[in-house]
Amino acid sequence: LAISLPSGNAMFGNDGVEIRGCTVL
């Protein structure tokens, strides 16, 4: 579960997670 989280340096280019408070920024 820990290695499947969005770490940003995934093998196929992870775009991260969209959370409302962050997308406002």
PDB file of all heavy atoms in Angstrom:
ATOM      1  N   LEU A   1       0.824  -1.209   0.000  1.00  0.00           N
ATOM      2  CA  LEU A   1       0.000   0.000   0.000  1.00  0.00           C
ATOM      3  C   LEU A   1       0.855   1.255   0.000  1.00  0.00           C
ATOM      4  O   LEU A   1       0.512   2.252  -0.645  1.00  0.00           O
ATOM      5  CB  LEU A   1      -0.939  -0.007   1.204  1.00  0.00           C
ATOM      6  CG  LEU A   1      -2.049  -1.050   1.175  1.00  0.00           C
ATOM      7  CD1 LEU A   1      -2.817  -1.038   2.485  1.00  0.00           C
ATOM      8  CD2 LEU A   1      -2.973  -0.827  -0.003  1.00  0.00           C
ATOM      9  N   ALA A   2       1.976   1.222   0.704  1.00  0.00           N
ATOM     10  CA  ALA A   2       2.846   2.403   0.769  1.00  0.00           C
ATOM     11  C   ALA A   2       3.504   2.688  -0.580  1.00  0.00           C
ATOM     12  O   ALA A   2       3.633   3.850  -0.974  1.00  0.00           O
ATOM     13  CB  ALA A   2       3.904   2.214   1.840  1.00  0.00           C
ATOM     14  N   ILE A   3       3.912   1.649  -1.305  1.00  0.00           N
ATOM     15  CA  ILE A   3       4.570   1.903  -2.586  1.00  0.00           C
ATOM     16  C   ILE A   3       3.570   2.249  -3.680  1.00  0.00           C
ATOM     17  O   ILE A   3       3.961   2.752  -4.730  1.00  0.00           O
ATOM     18  CB  ILE A   3       5.444   0.703  -3.027  1.00  0.00           C
ATOM     19  CG1 ILE A   3       4.599  -0.531  -3.275  1.00  0.00           C
ATOM     20  CG2 ILE A   3       6.542   0.449  -2.036  1.00  0.00           C
ATOM     21  CD1 ILE A   3       5.352  -1.672  -3.909  1.00  0.00           C
ATOM     22  N   SER A   4       2.292   2.011  -3.457  1.00  0.00           N
ATOM     23  CA  SER A   4       1.297   2.339  -4.474  1.00  0.00           C
ATOM     24  C   SER A   4       0.724   3.742  -4.280  1.00  0.00           C
ATOM     25  O   SER A   4      -0.077   4.187  -5.094  1.00  0.00           O
ATOM     26  CB  SER A   4       0.171   1.314  -4.479  1.00  0.00           C
ATOM     27  OG  SER A   4      -0.520   1.346  -3.248  1.00  0.00           O
ATOM     28  N   LEU A   5       1.118   4.444  -3.221  1.00  0.00           N
ATOM     29  CA  LEU A   5       0.648   5.816  -3.009  1.00  0.00           C
ATOM     30  C   LEU A   5       1.295   6.765  -4.014  1.00  0.00           C
ATOM     31  O   LEU A   5       2.358   6.473  -4.553  1.00  0.00           O
ATOM     32  CB  LEU A   5       0.966   6.263  -1.581  1.00  0.00           C
ATOM     33  CG  LEU A   5       0.118   5.618  -0.495  1.00  0.00           C
ATOM     34  CD1 LEU A   5       0.655   6.024   0.875  1.00  0.00           C
ATOM     35  CD2 LEU A   5      -1.331   6.022  -0.618  1.00  0.00           C
ATOM     36  N   PRO A   6       0.673   7.920  -4.255  1.00  0.00           N
ATOM     37  CA  PRO A   6       1.203   8.862  -5.247  1.00  0.00           C
ATOM     38  C   PRO A   6       2.457   9.568  -4.758  1.00  0.00           C
ATOM     39  O   PRO A   6       2.411  10.615  -4.154  1.00  0.00           O
ATOM     40  CB  PRO A   6       0.055   9.842  -5.446  1.00  0.00           C
ATOM     41  CG  PRO A   6      -0.715   9.776  -4.184  1.00  0.00           C
ATOM     42  CD  PRO A   6      -0.583   8.375  -3.678  1.00  0.00           C
ATOM     43  N   SER A   7       3.608   9.005  -5.005  1.00  0.00           N
ATOM     44  CA  SER A   7       4.847   9.567  -4.498  1.00  0.00           C
ATOM     45  C   SER A   7       5.444  10.603  -5.427  1.00  0.00           C
ATOM     46  O   SER A   7       6.374  11.302  -5.059  1.00  0.00           O
ATOM     47  CB  SER A   7       5.865   8.462  -4.260  1.00  0.00           C
ATOM     48  OG  SER A   7       6.155   7.818  -5.469  1.00  0.00           O
ATOM     49  N   GLY A   8       4.983  10.699  -6.652  1.00  0.00           N
ATOM     50  CA  GLY A   8       5.490  11.704  -7.568  1.00  0.00           C
ATOM     51  C   GLY A   8       6.582  11.208  -8.479  1.00  0.00           C
ATOM     52  O   GLY A   8       6.856  11.813  -9.493  1.00  0.00           O
ATOM     53  N   ASN A   9       7.229  10.132  -8.161  1.00  0.00           N
ATOM     54  CA  ASN A   9       8.274   9.606  -9.021  1.00  0.00           C
ATOM     55  C   ASN A   9       7.929   8.183  -9.430  1.00  0.00           C
ATOM     56  O   ASN A   9       8.735   7.292  -9.351  1.00  0.00           O
ATOM     57  CB  ASN A   9       9.635   9.670  -8.341  1.00  0.00           C
ATOM     58  CG  ASN A   9       9.616   9.053  -6.969  1.00  0.00           C
ATOM     59  OD1 ASN A   9       8.607   8.504  -6.551  1.00  0.00           O
ATOM     60  ND2 ASN A   9      10.713   9.143  -6.263  1.00  0.00           N
ATOM     61  N   ALA A  10       6.725   7.983  -9.838  1.00  0.00           N
ATOM     62  CA  ALA A  10       6.258   6.667 -10.235  1.00  0.00           C
ATOM     63  C   ALA A  10       6.864   6.278 -11.590  1.00  0.00           C
ATOM     64  O   ALA A  10       7.407   7.111 -12.312  1.00  0.00           O
ATOM     65  CB  ALA A  10       4.735   6.639 -10.325  1.00  0.00           C
ATOM     66  N   MET A  11       6.739   5.032 -11.929  1.00  0.00           N
ATOM     67  CA  MET A  11       7.378   4.511 -13.129  1.00  0.00           C
ATOM     68  C   MET A  11       6.778   5.079 -14.409  1.00  0.00           C
ATOM     69  O   MET A  11       7.483   5.317 -15.372  1.00  0.00           O
ATOM     70  CB  MET A  11       7.249   2.997 -13.118  1.00  0.00           C
ATOM     71  CG  MET A  11       7.980   2.299 -14.195  1.00  0.00           C
ATOM     72  SD  MET A  11       7.806   0.549 -13.917  1.00  0.00           S
ATOM     73  CE  MET A  11       8.793  -0.097 -15.176  1.00  0.00           C
ATOM     74  N   PHE A  12       5.490   5.321 -14.439  1.00  0.00           N
ATOM     75  CA  PHE A  12       4.832   5.769 -15.655  1.00  0.00           C
ATOM     76  C   PHE A  12       4.364   7.207 -15.573  1.00  0.00           C
ATOM     77  O   PHE A  12       3.414   7.592 -16.231  1.00  0.00           O
ATOM     78  CB  PHE A  12       3.645   4.856 -15.977  1.00  0.00           C
ATOM     79  CG  PHE A  12       4.074   3.449 -16.229  1.00  0.00           C
ATOM     80  CD1 PHE A  12       3.789   2.455 -15.328  1.00  0.00           C
ATOM     81  CD2 PHE A  12       4.797   3.125 -17.358  1.00  0.00           C
ATOM     82  CE1 PHE A  12       4.193   1.156 -15.549  1.00  0.00           C
ATOM     83  CE2 PHE A  12       5.208   1.835 -17.593  1.00  0.00           C
ATOM     84  CZ  PHE A  12       4.900   0.849 -16.688  1.00  0.00           C
ATOM     85  N   GLY A  13       4.997   8.035 -14.754  1.00  0.00           N
ATOM     86  CA  GLY A  13       4.657   9.448 -14.691  1.00  0.00           C
ATOM     87  C   GLY A  13       3.382   9.721 -13.924  1.00  0.00           C
ATOM     88  O   GLY A  13       2.320   9.861 -14.507  1.00  0.00           O
ATOM     89  N   ASN A  14       3.471   9.802 -12.633  1.00  0.00           N
ATOM     90  CA  ASN A  14       2.324  10.062 -11.779  1.00  0.00           C
ATOM     91  C   ASN A  14       2.012  11.550 -11.784  1.00  0.00           C
ATOM     92  O   ASN A  14       2.895  12.374 -11.635  1.00  0.00           O
ATOM     93  CB  ASN A  14       2.637   9.589 -10.360  1.00  0.00           C
ATOM     94  CG  ASN A  14       1.431   9.585  -9.469  1.00  0.00           C
ATOM     95  OD1 ASN A  14       0.379  10.071  -9.842  1.00  0.00           O
ATOM     96  ND2 ASN A  14       1.583   9.035  -8.294  1.00  0.00           N
ATOM     97  N   ASP A  15       0.742  11.902 -11.946  1.00  0.00           N
ATOM     98  CA  ASP A  15       0.336  13.303 -11.964  1.00  0.00           C
ATOM     99  C   ASP A  15      -0.131  13.798 -10.607  1.00  0.00           C
ATOM    100  O   ASP A  15      -0.597  14.922 -10.493  1.00  0.00           O
ATOM    101  CB  ASP A  15      -0.797  13.516 -12.982  1.00  0.00           C
ATOM    102  CG  ASP A  15      -0.300  13.377 -14.402  1.00  0.00           C
ATOM    103  OD1 ASP A  15       0.899  13.596 -14.638  1.00  0.00           O
ATOM    104  OD2 ASP A  15      -1.110  13.052 -15.266  1.00  0.00           O
ATOM    105  N   GLY A  16      -0.044  12.994  -9.587  1.00  0.00           N
ATOM    106  CA  GLY A  16      -0.466  13.410  -8.256  1.00  0.00           C
ATOM    107  C   GLY A  16      -1.955  13.244  -8.054  1.00  0.00           C
ATOM    108  O   GLY A  16      -2.682  12.732  -8.889  1.00  0.00           O
ATOM    109  N   VAL A  17      -2.411  13.695  -6.905  1.00  0.00           N
ATOM    110  CA  VAL A  17      -3.799  13.559  -6.508  1.00  0.00           C
ATOM    111  C   VAL A  17      -4.441  14.932  -6.491  1.00  0.00           C
ATOM    112  O   VAL A  17      -3.838  15.894  -6.033  1.00  0.00           O
ATOM    113  CB  VAL A  17      -3.886  12.913  -5.100  1.00  0.00           C
ATOM    114  CG1 VAL A  17      -5.316  12.795  -4.660  1.00  0.00           C
ATOM    115  CG2 VAL A  17      -3.213  11.569  -5.092  1.00  0.00           C
ATOM    116  N   GLU A  18      -5.654  15.021  -6.999  1.00  0.00           N
ATOM    117  CA  GLU A  18      -6.376  16.291  -6.980  1.00  0.00           C
ATOM    118  C   GLU A  18      -7.191  16.388  -5.700  1.00  0.00           C
ATOM    119  O   GLU A  18      -8.119  15.624  -5.495  1.00  0.00           O
ATOM    120  CB  GLU A  18      -7.301  16.397  -8.186  1.00  0.00           C
ATOM    121  CG  GLU A  18      -6.582  16.509  -9.499  1.00  0.00           C
ATOM    122  CD  GLU A  18      -7.545  16.669 -10.668  1.00  0.00           C
ATOM    123  OE1 GLU A  18      -8.731  16.937 -10.423  1.00  0.00           O
ATOM    124  OE2 GLU A  18      -7.097  16.508 -11.793  1.00  0.00           O
ATOM    125  N   ILE A  19      -6.816  17.322  -4.836  1.00  0.00           N
ATOM    126  CA  ILE A  19      -7.570  17.626  -3.618  1.00  0.00           C
ATOM    127  C   ILE A  19      -7.968  19.091  -3.721  1.00  0.00           C
ATOM    128  O   ILE A  19      -7.157  19.938  -4.095  1.00  0.00           O
ATOM    129  CB  ILE A  19      -6.735  17.337  -2.365  1.00  0.00           C
ATOM    130  CG1 ILE A  19      -6.473  15.831  -2.272  1.00  0.00           C
ATOM    131  CG2 ILE A  19      -7.432  17.832  -1.115  1.00  0.00           C
ATOM    132  CD1 ILE A  19      -5.652  15.401  -1.090  1.00  0.00           C
ATOM    133  N   ARG A  20      -9.186  19.383  -3.375  1.00  0.00           N
ATOM    134  CA  ARG A  20      -9.766  20.697  -3.635  1.00  0.00           C
ATOM    135  C   ARG A  20      -8.913  21.844  -3.094  1.00  0.00           C
ATOM    136  O   ARG A  20      -8.700  22.837  -3.767  1.00  0.00           O
ATOM    137  CB  ARG A  20     -11.169  20.753  -3.042  1.00  0.00           C
ATOM    138  CG  ARG A  20     -11.877  22.037  -3.358  1.00  0.00           C
ATOM    139  CD  ARG A  20     -13.296  22.027  -2.846  1.00  0.00           C
ATOM    140  NE  ARG A  20     -13.951  23.273  -3.179  1.00  0.00           N
ATOM    141  CZ  ARG A  20     -15.071  23.663  -2.663  1.00  0.00           C
ATOM    142  NH1 ARG A  20     -15.694  22.892  -1.805  1.00  0.00           N
ATOM    143  NH2 ARG A  20     -15.605  24.796  -3.021  1.00  0.00           N
ATOM    144  N   GLY A  21      -8.412  21.720  -1.878  1.00  0.00           N
ATOM    145  CA  GLY A  21      -7.603  22.788  -1.303  1.00  0.00           C
ATOM    146  C   GLY A  21      -6.327  23.046  -2.070  1.00  0.00           C
ATOM    147  O   GLY A  21      -5.814  24.166  -2.108  1.00  0.00           O
ATOM    148  N   CYS A  22      -5.808  22.024  -2.686  1.00  0.00           N
ATOM    149  CA  CYS A  22      -4.574  22.166  -3.459  1.00  0.00           C
ATOM    150  C   CYS A  22      -4.851  22.649  -4.877  1.00  0.00           C
ATOM    151  O   CYS A  22      -4.062  23.408  -5.435  1.00  0.00           O
ATOM    152  CB  CYS A  22      -3.834  20.840  -3.482  1.00  0.00           C
ATOM    153  SG  CYS A  22      -2.191  20.941  -4.186  1.00  0.00           S
ATOM    154  N   THR A  23      -5.948  22.227  -5.473  1.00  0.00           N
ATOM    155  CA  THR A  23      -6.250  22.673  -6.831  1.00  0.00           C
ATOM    156  C   THR A  23      -6.608  24.155  -6.862  1.00  0.00           C
ATOM    157  O   THR A  23      -6.446  24.798  -7.890  1.00  0.00           O
ATOM    158  CB  THR A  23      -7.388  21.848  -7.446  1.00  0.00           C
ATOM    159  OG1 THR A  23      -8.520  21.881  -6.589  1.00  0.00           O
ATOM    160  CG2 THR A  23      -6.964  20.417  -7.668  1.00  0.00           C
ATOM    161  N   VAL A  24      -7.075  24.702  -5.736  1.00  0.00           N
ATOM    162  CA  VAL A  24      -7.308  26.141  -5.662  1.00  0.00           C
ATOM    163  C   VAL A  24      -5.982  26.882  -5.801  1.00  0.00           C
ATOM    164  O   VAL A  24      -5.917  27.959  -6.398  1.00  0.00           O
ATOM    165  CB  VAL A  24      -8.010  26.505  -4.327  1.00  0.00           C
ATOM    166  CG1 VAL A  24      -8.035  27.993  -4.096  1.00  0.00           C
ATOM    167  CG2 VAL A  24      -9.418  25.947  -4.313  1.00  0.00           C
ATOM    168  N   LEU A  25      -4.900  26.279  -5.301  1.00  0.00           N
ATOM    169  CA  LEU A  25      -3.562  26.861  -5.413  1.00  0.00           C
ATOM    170  C   LEU A  25      -2.875  26.459  -6.714  1.00  0.00           C
ATOM    171  O   LEU A  25      -1.681  26.695  -6.871  1.00  0.00           O
ATOM    172  CB  LEU A  25      -2.701  26.402  -4.236  1.00  0.00           C
ATOM    173  CG  LEU A  25      -3.157  26.820  -2.844  1.00  0.00           C
ATOM    174  CD1 LEU A  25      -2.317  26.129  -1.787  1.00  0.00           C
ATOM    175  CD2 LEU A  25      -3.075  28.321  -2.692  1.00  0.00           C
TER     176      LEU A  25
END
